Amino acid sequence: MIEPSEPDTAESDVLDRIIKAGPAGAVSVSFVATIVVFGIWFAFYLFVFLPRVSP
C-alpha cells in the first residue's frame, strides 16, 4: 500500500489562497449576469408592453 507523503506547505498555502478566492469570482459573474437579464427584461417591458397598453 502506498503511504501518502506530507504535502509541501508552500504549495498547500498557495492552494488554500486560490480556493478561498475562487467563489468570489463566480458570485460576481452571477451578479453581473442577473443584472444583464433584469436590464433586458426591463427594456422589453418599456419598449414592447407599455406602448401596446397605452392608448
C-alpha atoms as a PDB file:
ATOM      1  CA  MET A   1       0.000   0.000   0.000  1.00  0.00           C
ATOM      2  CA  ILE A   2       1.281   3.449  -0.872  1.00  0.00           C
ATOM      3  CA  GLU A   3       1.577   5.826   2.035  1.00  0.00           C
ATOM      4  CA  PRO A   4       0.659   9.440   1.260  1.00  0.00           C
ATOM      5  CA  SER A   5       3.516  11.825   1.799  1.00  0.00           C
ATOM      6  CA  GLU A   6       3.181  15.098   3.634  1.00  0.00           C
ATOM      7  CA  PRO A   7       2.160  17.880   1.237  1.00  0.00           C
ATOM      8  CA  ASP A   8       4.568  20.717   0.642  1.00  0.00           C
ATOM      9  CA  THR A   9       3.497  23.553   2.932  1.00  0.00           C
ATOM     10  CA  ALA A  10       4.265  26.293   0.383  1.00  0.00           C
ATOM     11  CA  GLU A  11       2.159  24.526  -2.240  1.00  0.00           C
ATOM     12  CA  SER A  12      -0.584  23.924   0.301  1.00  0.00           C
ATOM     13  CA  ASP A  13      -0.649  27.615   1.257  1.00  0.00           C
ATOM     14  CA  VAL A  14      -0.957  28.649  -2.391  1.00  0.00           C
ATOM     15  CA  LEU A  15      -3.803  26.198  -2.944  1.00  0.00           C
ATOM     16  CA  ASP A  16      -5.597  27.437   0.167  1.00  0.00           C
ATOM     17  CA  ARG A  17      -5.448  31.032  -1.093  1.00  0.00           C
ATOM     18  CA  ILE A  18      -6.754  30.008  -4.527  1.00  0.00           C
ATOM     19  CA  ILE A  19      -9.622  28.003  -3.061  1.00  0.00           C
ATOM     20  CA  LYS A  20     -10.633  30.849  -0.726  1.00  0.00           C
ATOM     21  CA  ALA A  21     -10.667  33.362  -3.610  1.00  0.00           C
ATOM     22  CA  GLY A  22     -12.476  31.052  -6.045  1.00  0.00           C
ATOM     23  CA  PRO A  23     -16.137  31.586  -5.126  1.00  0.00           C
ATOM     24  CA  ALA A  24     -15.832  35.383  -5.224  1.00  0.00           C
ATOM     25  CA  GLY A  25     -15.359  35.294  -8.988  1.00  0.00           C
ATOM     26  CA  ALA A  26     -18.335  33.015  -9.504  1.00  0.00           C
ATOM     27  CA  VAL A  27     -20.535  35.216  -7.346  1.00  0.00           C
ATOM     28  CA  SER A  28     -19.528  38.347  -9.248  1.00  0.00           C
ATOM     29  CA  VAL A  29     -20.191  36.686 -12.626  1.00  0.00           C
ATOM     30  CA  SER A  30     -23.634  35.536 -11.499  1.00  0.00           C
ATOM     31  CA  PHE A  31     -24.398  39.029 -10.158  1.00  0.00           C
ATOM     32  CA  VAL A  32     -23.460  40.647 -13.485  1.00  0.00           C
ATOM     33  CA  ALA A  33     -25.497  38.072 -15.420  1.00  0.00           C
ATOM     34  CA  THR A  34     -28.527  38.727 -13.218  1.00  0.00           C
ATOM     35  CA  ILE A  35     -28.228  42.479 -13.745  1.00  0.00           C
ATOM     36  CA  VAL A  36     -27.980  41.982 -17.530  1.00  0.00           C
ATOM     37  CA  VAL A  37     -31.060  39.739 -17.613  1.00  0.00           C
ATOM     38  CA  PHE A  38     -33.023  42.196 -15.476  1.00  0.00           C
ATOM     39  CA  GLY A  39     -31.960  45.079 -17.748  1.00  0.00           C
ATOM     40  CA  ILE A  40     -33.093  43.217 -20.864  1.00  0.00           C
ATOM     41  CA  TRP A  41     -36.421  42.371 -19.224  1.00  0.00           C
ATOM     42  CA  PHE A  42     -36.943  45.994 -18.139  1.00  0.00           C
ATOM     43  CA  ALA A  43     -36.129  47.329 -21.633  1.00  0.00           C
ATOM     44  CA  PHE A  44     -38.501  44.794 -23.212  1.00  0.00           C
ATOM     45  CA  TYR A  45     -41.226  45.835 -20.776  1.00  0.00           C
ATOM     46  CA  LEU A  46     -40.742  49.542 -21.521  1.00  0.00           C
ATOM     47  CA  PHE A  47     -40.464  49.289 -25.303  1.00  0.00           C
ATOM     48  CA  VAL A  48     -42.916  46.451 -26.053  1.00  0.00           C
ATOM     49  CA  PHE A  49     -45.556  46.077 -23.343  1.00  0.00           C
ATOM     50  CA  LEU A  50     -46.152  49.689 -22.328  1.00  0.00           C
ATOM     51  CA  PRO A  51     -46.655  51.040 -25.884  1.00  0.00           C
ATOM     52  CA  ARG A  52     -49.294  48.336 -26.528  1.00  0.00           C
ATOM     53  CA  VAL A  53     -51.250  49.154 -23.369  1.00  0.00           C
ATOM     54  CA  SER A  54     -51.291  52.947 -23.647  1.00  0.00           C
ATOM     55  CA  PRO A  55     -53.986  54.364 -25.970  1.00  0.00           C
END
